[in-house]
């Protein structure tokens, strides 16, 4: 009998690398979180850093696409 594999329902989006457009990445971080400008800037400068955690797969994919559109490298775990 095969073991049931529990499907992952919560995901973490990690900003691995900012890329060349730091200001645009900061704006993207702000659009996918409720962080203020100062907090978003600090998060981006500390890359690799967790952007959002405990979100649905759809929310994680949406955040990833917004960040990657600005040149950032993103991981979903």
PDB file of N, CA and C in Angstrom:
ATOM      1  N   UNK A   1       0.828  -1.185   0.000  1.00  0.00           N
ATOM      2  CA  UNK A   1       0.000   0.000   0.000  1.00  0.00           C
ATOM      3  C   UNK A   1       0.875   1.252   0.000  1.00  0.00           C
ATOM      4  N   UNK A   2       0.613   2.161  -0.899  1.00  0.00           N
ATOM      5  CA  UNK A   2       1.409   3.386  -0.990  1.00  0.00           C
ATOM      6  C   UNK A   2       0.988   4.370   0.092  1.00  0.00           C
ATOM      7  N   UNK A   3       1.983   5.061   0.621  1.00  0.00           N
ATOM      8  CA  UNK A   3       1.670   6.085   1.613  1.00  0.00           C
ATOM      9  C   UNK A   3       1.053   7.287   0.933  1.00  0.00           C
ATOM     10  N   UNK A   4       0.118   7.898   1.624  1.00  0.00           N
ATOM     11  CA  UNK A   4      -0.471   9.113   1.069  1.00  0.00           C
ATOM     12  C   UNK A   4       0.519  10.255   1.259  1.00  0.00           C
ATOM     13  N   UNK A   5       0.753  10.968   0.183  1.00  0.00           N
ATOM     14  CA  UNK A   5       1.644  12.113   0.256  1.00  0.00           C
ATOM     15  C   UNK A   5       0.773  13.339   0.433  1.00  0.00           C
ATOM     16  N   UNK A   6       1.003  14.030   1.526  1.00  0.00           N
ATOM     17  CA  UNK A   6       0.206  15.219   1.791  1.00  0.00           C
ATOM     18  C   UNK A   6       0.638  16.331   0.839  1.00  0.00           C
ATOM     19  N   UNK A   7      -0.342  16.891   0.151  1.00  0.00           N
ATOM     20  CA  UNK A   7      -0.020  17.968  -0.782  1.00  0.00           C
ATOM     21  C   UNK A   7       0.293  19.227   0.007  1.00  0.00           C
ATOM     22  N   UNK A   8       1.349  19.891  -0.401  1.00  0.00           N
ATOM     23  CA  UNK A   8       1.770  21.103   0.281  1.00  0.00           C
ATOM     24  C   UNK A   8       0.762  22.220   0.008  1.00  0.00           C
ATOM     25  N   UNK A   9       0.319  22.883   1.060  1.00  0.00           N
ATOM     26  CA  UNK A   9      -0.675  23.939   0.896  1.00  0.00           C
ATOM     27  C   UNK A   9      -0.143  25.313   1.281  1.00  0.00           C
ATOM     28  N   UNK A  10       0.986  25.345   1.957  1.00  0.00           N
ATOM     29  CA  UNK A  10       1.560  26.629   2.347  1.00  0.00           C
ATOM     30  C   UNK A  10       2.963  26.753   1.760  1.00  0.00           C
ATOM     31  N   UNK A  11       3.221  27.908   1.185  1.00  0.00           N
ATOM     32  CA  UNK A  11       4.492  28.125   0.497  1.00  0.00           C
ATOM     33  C   UNK A  11       5.171  29.386   1.018  1.00  0.00           C
ATOM     34  N   UNK A  12       6.489  29.416   0.872  1.00  0.00           N
ATOM     35  CA  UNK A  12       7.292  30.565   1.264  1.00  0.00           C
ATOM     36  C   UNK A  12       7.999  31.090   0.018  1.00  0.00           C
ATOM     37  N   UNK A  13       7.921  32.407  -0.177  1.00  0.00           N
ATOM     38  CA  UNK A  13       8.588  33.037  -1.319  1.00  0.00           C
ATOM     39  C   UNK A  13       9.854  33.704  -0.796  1.00  0.00           C
ATOM     40  N   UNK A  14      10.989  33.320  -1.377  1.00  0.00           N
ATOM     41  CA  UNK A  14      12.285  33.829  -0.930  1.00  0.00           C
ATOM     42  C   UNK A  14      12.938  34.626  -2.055  1.00  0.00           C
ATOM     43  N   UNK A  15      13.322  35.844  -1.742  1.00  0.00           N
ATOM     44  CA  UNK A  15      14.062  36.682  -2.679  1.00  0.00           C
ATOM     45  C   UNK A  15      15.517  36.239  -2.608  1.00  0.00           C
ATOM     46  N   UNK A  16      15.977  35.539  -3.655  1.00  0.00           N
ATOM     47  CA  UNK A  16      17.337  35.000  -3.657  1.00  0.00           C
ATOM     48  C   UNK A  16      18.353  36.051  -4.083  1.00  0.00           C
ATOM     49  N   UNK A  17      18.000  36.857  -5.081  1.00  0.00           N
ATOM     50  CA  UNK A  17      18.908  37.880  -5.591  1.00  0.00           C
ATOM     51  C   UNK A  17      18.086  39.033  -6.148  1.00  0.00           C
ATOM     52  N   UNK A  18      18.514  40.244  -5.879  1.00  0.00           N
ATOM     53  CA  UNK A  18      17.761  41.428  -6.278  1.00  0.00           C
ATOM     54  C   UNK A  18      17.819  41.683  -7.776  1.00  0.00           C
ATOM     55  N   UNK A  19      18.966  41.482  -8.375  1.00  0.00           N
ATOM     56  CA  UNK A  19      19.101  41.800  -9.792  1.00  0.00           C
ATOM     57  C   UNK A  19      19.433  43.276  -9.977  1.00  0.00           C
ATOM     58  N   UNK A  20      19.425  43.762 -11.205  1.00  0.00           N
ATOM     59  CA  UNK A  20      19.887  45.121 -11.501  1.00  0.00           C
ATOM     60  C   UNK A  20      18.891  46.236 -11.172  1.00  0.00           C
ATOM     61  N   UNK A  21      17.607  45.926 -11.005  1.00  0.00           N
ATOM     62  CA  UNK A  21      16.607  46.971 -10.797  1.00  0.00           C
ATOM     63  C   UNK A  21      16.101  46.982  -9.355  1.00  0.00           C
ATOM     64  N   UNK A  22      16.964  47.377  -8.438  1.00  0.00           N
ATOM     65  CA  UNK A  22      16.657  47.323  -7.008  1.00  0.00           C
ATOM     66  C   UNK A  22      15.400  48.110  -6.650  1.00  0.00           C
ATOM     67  N   UNK A  23      15.247  49.309  -7.167  1.00  0.00           N
ATOM     68  CA  UNK A  23      14.084  50.144  -6.826  1.00  0.00           C
ATOM     69  C   UNK A  23      12.794  49.479  -7.293  1.00  0.00           C
ATOM     70  N   UNK A  24      12.809  48.910  -8.491  1.00  0.00           N
ATOM     71  CA  UNK A  24      11.620  48.224  -8.994  1.00  0.00           C
ATOM     72  C   UNK A  24      11.303  46.986  -8.161  1.00  0.00           C
ATOM     73  N   UNK A  25      12.335  46.285  -7.694  1.00  0.00           N
ATOM     74  CA  UNK A  25      12.124  45.107  -6.851  1.00  0.00           C
ATOM     75  C   UNK A  25      11.525  45.539  -5.514  1.00  0.00           C
ATOM     76  N   UNK A  26      11.983  46.647  -4.966  1.00  0.00           N
ATOM     77  CA  UNK A  26      11.407  47.169  -3.720  1.00  0.00           C
ATOM     78  C   UNK A  26       9.920  47.457  -3.924  1.00  0.00           C
ATOM     79  N   UNK A  27       9.563  48.077  -5.040  1.00  0.00           N
ATOM     80  CA  UNK A  27       8.152  48.356  -5.342  1.00  0.00           C
ATOM     81  C   UNK A  27       7.357  47.064  -5.458  1.00  0.00           C
ATOM     82  N   UNK A  28       7.946  46.040  -6.091  1.00  0.00           N
ATOM     83  CA  UNK A  28       7.263  44.754  -6.234  1.00  0.00           C
ATOM     84  C   UNK A  28       7.065  44.090  -4.870  1.00  0.00           C
ATOM     85  N   UNK A  29       8.073  44.171  -4.002  1.00  0.00           N
ATOM     86  CA  UNK A  29       7.955  43.613  -2.647  1.00  0.00           C
ATOM     87  C   UNK A  29       6.807  44.300  -1.922  1.00  0.00           C
ATOM     88  N   UNK A  30       6.717  45.599  -2.054  1.00  0.00           N
ATOM     89  CA  UNK A  30       5.640  46.342  -1.395  1.00  0.00           C
ATOM     90  C   UNK A  30       4.272  45.935  -1.939  1.00  0.00           C
ATOM     91  N   UNK A  31       4.210  45.589  -3.237  1.00  0.00           N
ATOM     92  CA  UNK A  31       2.922  45.221  -3.826  1.00  0.00           C
ATOM     93  C   UNK A  31       2.448  43.835  -3.380  1.00  0.00           C
ATOM     94  N   UNK A  32       3.363  42.964  -2.966  1.00  0.00           N
ATOM     95  CA  UNK A  32       2.965  41.617  -2.546  1.00  0.00           C
ATOM     96  C   UNK A  32       2.975  41.444  -1.025  1.00  0.00           C
ATOM     97  N   UNK A  33       3.366  42.497  -0.308  1.00  0.00           N
ATOM     98  CA  UNK A  33       3.362  42.454   1.160  1.00  0.00           C
ATOM     99  C   UNK A  33       2.667  43.713   1.665  1.00  0.00           C
ATOM    100  N   UNK A  34       2.557  43.824   2.972  1.00  0.00           N
ATOM    101  CA  UNK A  34       2.014  45.054   3.548  1.00  0.00           C
ATOM    102  C   UNK A  34       3.125  45.885   4.198  1.00  0.00           C
ATOM    103  N   UNK A  35       4.348  45.687   3.713  1.00  0.00           N
ATOM    104  CA  UNK A  35       5.495  46.412   4.259  1.00  0.00           C
ATOM    105  C   UNK A  35       5.519  47.858   3.781  1.00  0.00           C
ATOM    106  N   UNK A  36       6.040  48.717   4.630  1.00  0.00           N
ATOM    107  CA  UNK A  36       6.263  50.096   4.246  1.00  0.00           C
ATOM    108  C   UNK A  36       7.543  50.196   3.429  1.00  0.00           C
ATOM    109  N   UNK A  37       7.830  51.372   2.932  1.00  0.00           N
ATOM    110  CA  UNK A  37       8.997  51.581   2.078  1.00  0.00           C
ATOM    111  C   UNK A  37      10.292  51.198   2.778  1.00  0.00           C
ATOM    112  N   UNK A  38      10.475  51.665   4.004  1.00  0.00           N
ATOM    113  CA  UNK A  38      11.716  51.387   4.737  1.00  0.00           C
ATOM    114  C   UNK A  38      11.900  49.884   4.957  1.00  0.00           C
ATOM    115  N   UNK A  39      10.838  49.203   5.372  1.00  0.00           N
ATOM    116  CA  UNK A  39      10.915  47.764   5.633  1.00  0.00           C
ATOM    117  C   UNK A  39      11.178  46.980   4.353  1.00  0.00           C
ATOM    118  N   UNK A  40      10.519  47.367   3.261  1.00  0.00           N
ATOM    119  CA  UNK A  40      10.724  46.685   1.980  1.00  0.00           C
ATOM    120  C   UNK A  40      12.153  46.878   1.502  1.00  0.00           C
ATOM    121  N   UNK A  41      12.696  48.090   1.664  1.00  0.00           N
ATOM    122  CA  UNK A  41      14.071  48.371   1.253  1.00  0.00           C
ATOM    123  C   UNK A  41      15.045  47.521   2.066  1.00  0.00           C
ATOM    124  N   UNK A  42      14.818  47.429   3.381  1.00  0.00           N
ATOM    125  CA  UNK A  42      15.690  46.621   4.235  1.00  0.00           C
ATOM    126  C   UNK A  42      15.629  45.148   3.842  1.00  0.00           C
ATOM    127  N   UNK A  43      14.434  44.652   3.543  1.00  0.00           N
ATOM    128  CA  UNK A  43      14.279  43.253   3.138  1.00  0.00           C
ATOM    129  C   UNK A  43      15.053  42.982   1.859  1.00  0.00           C
ATOM    130  N   UNK A  44      14.912  43.867   0.876  1.00  0.00           N
ATOM    131  CA  UNK A  44      15.598  43.700  -0.406  1.00  0.00           C
ATOM    132  C   UNK A  44      17.112  43.742  -0.217  1.00  0.00           C
ATOM    133  N   UNK A  45      17.594  44.638   0.628  1.00  0.00           N
ATOM    134  CA  UNK A  45      19.030  44.756   0.855  1.00  0.00           C
ATOM    135  C   UNK A  45      19.607  43.556   1.606  1.00  0.00           C
ATOM    136  N   UNK A  46      18.757  42.796   2.292  1.00  0.00           N
ATOM    137  CA  UNK A  46      19.228  41.638   3.048  1.00  0.00           C
ATOM    138  C   UNK A  46      19.118  40.339   2.256  1.00  0.00           C
ATOM    139  N   UNK A  47      18.808  40.424   0.970  1.00  0.00           N
ATOM    140  CA  UNK A  47      18.629  39.213   0.154  1.00  0.00           C
ATOM    141  C   UNK A  47      19.830  38.301   0.307  1.00  0.00           C
ATOM    142  N   UNK A  48      19.675  37.013   0.426  1.00  0.00           N
ATOM    143  CA  UNK A  48      18.400  36.298   0.337  1.00  0.00           C
ATOM    144  C   UNK A  48      17.540  36.501   1.587  1.00  0.00           C
ATOM    145  N   UNK A  49      16.256  36.744   1.359  1.00  0.00           N
ATOM    146  CA  UNK A  49      15.337  37.009   2.459  1.00  0.00           C
ATOM    147  C   UNK A  49      13.940  36.502   2.106  1.00  0.00           C
ATOM    148  N   UNK A  50      13.194  36.134   3.134  1.00  0.00           N
ATOM    149  CA  UNK A  50      11.819  35.679   2.939  1.00  0.00           C
ATOM    150  C   UNK A  50      10.926  36.883   2.690  1.00  0.00           C
ATOM    151  N   UNK A  51      10.178  36.841   1.587  1.00  0.00           N
ATOM    152  CA  UNK A  51       9.259  37.933   1.249  1.00  0.00           C
ATOM    153  C   UNK A  51       7.902  37.662   1.886  1.00  0.00           C
ATOM    154  N   UNK A  52       7.326  36.507   1.603  1.00  0.00           N
ATOM    155  CA  UNK A  52       6.061  36.102   2.219  1.00  0.00           C
ATOM    156  C   UNK A  52       6.159  34.622   2.576  1.00  0.00           C
ATOM    157  N   UNK A  53       5.445  34.224   3.630  1.00  0.00           N
ATOM    158  CA  UNK A  53       5.450  32.819   4.003  1.00  0.00           C
ATOM    159  C   UNK A  53       4.063  32.389   4.431  1.00  0.00           C
ATOM    160  N   UNK A  54       3.800  31.099   4.289  1.00  0.00           N
ATOM    161  CA  UNK A  54       2.511  30.554   4.667  1.00  0.00           C
ATOM    162  C   UNK A  54       1.397  30.963   3.726  1.00  0.00           C
ATOM    163  N   UNK A  55       1.724  31.171   2.458  1.00  0.00           N
ATOM    164  CA  UNK A  55       0.709  31.591   1.485  1.00  0.00           C
ATOM    165  C   UNK A  55       0.337  30.435   0.565  1.00  0.00           C
ATOM    166  N   UNK A  56      -0.784  30.596  -0.122  1.00  0.00           N
ATOM    167  CA  UNK A  56      -1.241  29.573  -1.060  1.00  0.00           C
ATOM    168  C   UNK A  56      -0.309  29.504  -2.258  1.00  0.00           C
ATOM    169  N   UNK A  57      -0.421  28.421  -3.018  1.00  0.00           N
ATOM    170  CA  UNK A  57       0.420  28.252  -4.198  1.00  0.00           C
ATOM    171  C   UNK A  57       0.169  29.385  -5.190  1.00  0.00           C
ATOM    172  N   UNK A  58      -1.109  29.775  -5.354  1.00  0.00           N
ATOM    173  CA  UNK A  58      -1.444  30.853  -6.289  1.00  0.00           C
ATOM    174  C   UNK A  58      -0.799  32.172  -5.862  1.00  0.00           C
ATOM    175  N   UNK A  59      -0.875  32.485  -4.566  1.00  0.00           N
ATOM    176  CA  UNK A  59      -0.275  33.728  -4.062  1.00  0.00           C
ATOM    177  C   UNK A  59       1.239  33.695  -4.216  1.00  0.00           C
ATOM    178  N   UNK A  60       1.839  32.530  -3.976  1.00  0.00           N
ATOM    179  CA  UNK A  60       3.291  32.393  -4.121  1.00  0.00           C
ATOM    180  C   UNK A  60       3.711  32.578  -5.575  1.00  0.00           C
ATOM    181  N   UNK A  61       2.971  31.978  -6.500  1.00  0.00           N
ATOM    182  CA  UNK A  61       3.279  32.119  -7.927  1.00  0.00           C
ATOM    183  C   UNK A  61       3.106  33.564  -8.384  1.00  0.00           C
ATOM    184  N   UNK A  62       2.065  34.238  -7.865  1.00  0.00           N
ATOM    185  CA  UNK A  62       1.815  35.635  -8.214  1.00  0.00           C
ATOM    186  C   UNK A  62       2.964  36.522  -7.733  1.00  0.00           C
ATOM    187  N   UNK A  63       3.391  36.322  -6.489  1.00  0.00           N
ATOM    188  CA  UNK A  63       4.501  37.098  -5.941  1.00  0.00           C
ATOM    189  C   UNK A  63       5.776  36.836  -6.740  1.00  0.00           C
ATOM    190  N   UNK A  64       6.010  35.569  -7.068  1.00  0.00           N
ATOM    191  CA  UNK A  64       7.210  35.208  -7.835  1.00  0.00           C
ATOM    192  C   UNK A  64       7.206  35.898  -9.193  1.00  0.00           C
ATOM    193  N   UNK A  65       6.071  35.879  -9.874  1.00  0.00           N
ATOM    194  CA  UNK A  65       6.019  36.487 -11.206  1.00  0.00           C
ATOM    195  C   UNK A  65       6.229  37.996 -11.143  1.00  0.00           C
ATOM    196  N   UNK A  66       5.672  38.658 -10.123  1.00  0.00           N
ATOM    197  CA  UNK A  66       5.857  40.111  -9.983  1.00  0.00           C
ATOM    198  C   UNK A  66       7.321  40.453  -9.721  1.00  0.00           C
ATOM    199  N   UNK A  67       7.964  39.684  -8.868  1.00  0.00           N
ATOM    200  CA  UNK A  67       9.369  39.951  -8.541  1.00  0.00           C
ATOM    201  C   UNK A  67      10.285  39.624  -9.716  1.00  0.00           C
ATOM    202  N   UNK A  68      10.022  38.504 -10.383  1.00  0.00           N
ATOM    203  CA  UNK A  68      10.865  38.132 -11.521  1.00  0.00           C
ATOM    204  C   UNK A  68      10.698  39.087 -12.693  1.00  0.00           C
ATOM    205  N   UNK A  69       9.526  39.693 -12.815  1.00  0.00           N
ATOM    206  CA  UNK A  69       9.302  40.673 -13.879  1.00  0.00           C
ATOM    207  C   UNK A  69      10.222  41.879 -13.729  1.00  0.00           C
ATOM    208  N   UNK A  70      10.690  42.103 -12.501  1.00  0.00           N
ATOM    209  CA  UNK A  70      11.595  43.228 -12.221  1.00  0.00           C
ATOM    210  C   UNK A  70      13.060  42.785 -12.193  1.00  0.00           C
ATOM    211  N   UNK A  71      13.331  41.545 -12.552  1.00  0.00           N
ATOM    212  CA  UNK A  71      14.712  41.069 -12.643  1.00  0.00           C
ATOM    213  C   UNK A  71      15.247  40.363 -11.422  1.00  0.00           C
ATOM    214  N   UNK A  72      14.408  40.154 -10.415  1.00  0.00           N
ATOM    215  CA  UNK A  72      14.864  39.464  -9.202  1.00  0.00           C
ATOM    216  C   UNK A  72      14.865  37.956  -9.419  1.00  0.00           C
ATOM    217  N   UNK A  73      15.701  37.253  -8.659  1.00  0.00           N
ATOM    218  CA  UNK A  73      15.680  35.798  -8.654  1.00  0.00           C
ATOM    219  C   UNK A  73      14.916  35.365  -7.415  1.00  0.00           C
ATOM    220  N   UNK A  74      13.941  34.473  -7.612  1.00  0.00           N
ATOM    221  CA  UNK A  74      13.035  34.093  -6.536  1.00  0.00           C
ATOM    222  C   UNK A  74      12.958  32.580  -6.421  1.00  0.00           C
ATOM    223  N   UNK A  75      12.851  32.107  -5.171  1.00  0.00           N
ATOM    224  CA  UNK A  75      12.657  30.681  -4.905  1.00  0.00           C
ATOM    225  C   UNK A  75      11.347  30.518  -4.155  1.00  0.00           C
ATOM    226  N   UNK A  76      10.659  29.406  -4.449  1.00  0.00           N
ATOM    227  CA  UNK A  76       9.456  29.066  -3.686  1.00  0.00           C
ATOM    228  C   UNK A  76       9.722  27.756  -2.980  1.00  0.00           C
ATOM    229  N   UNK A  77       9.493  27.753  -1.686  1.00  0.00           N
ATOM    230  CA  UNK A  77       9.711  26.529  -0.895  1.00  0.00           C
ATOM    231  C   UNK A  77       8.427  26.163  -0.191  1.00  0.00           C
TER     232      UNK A  77
END
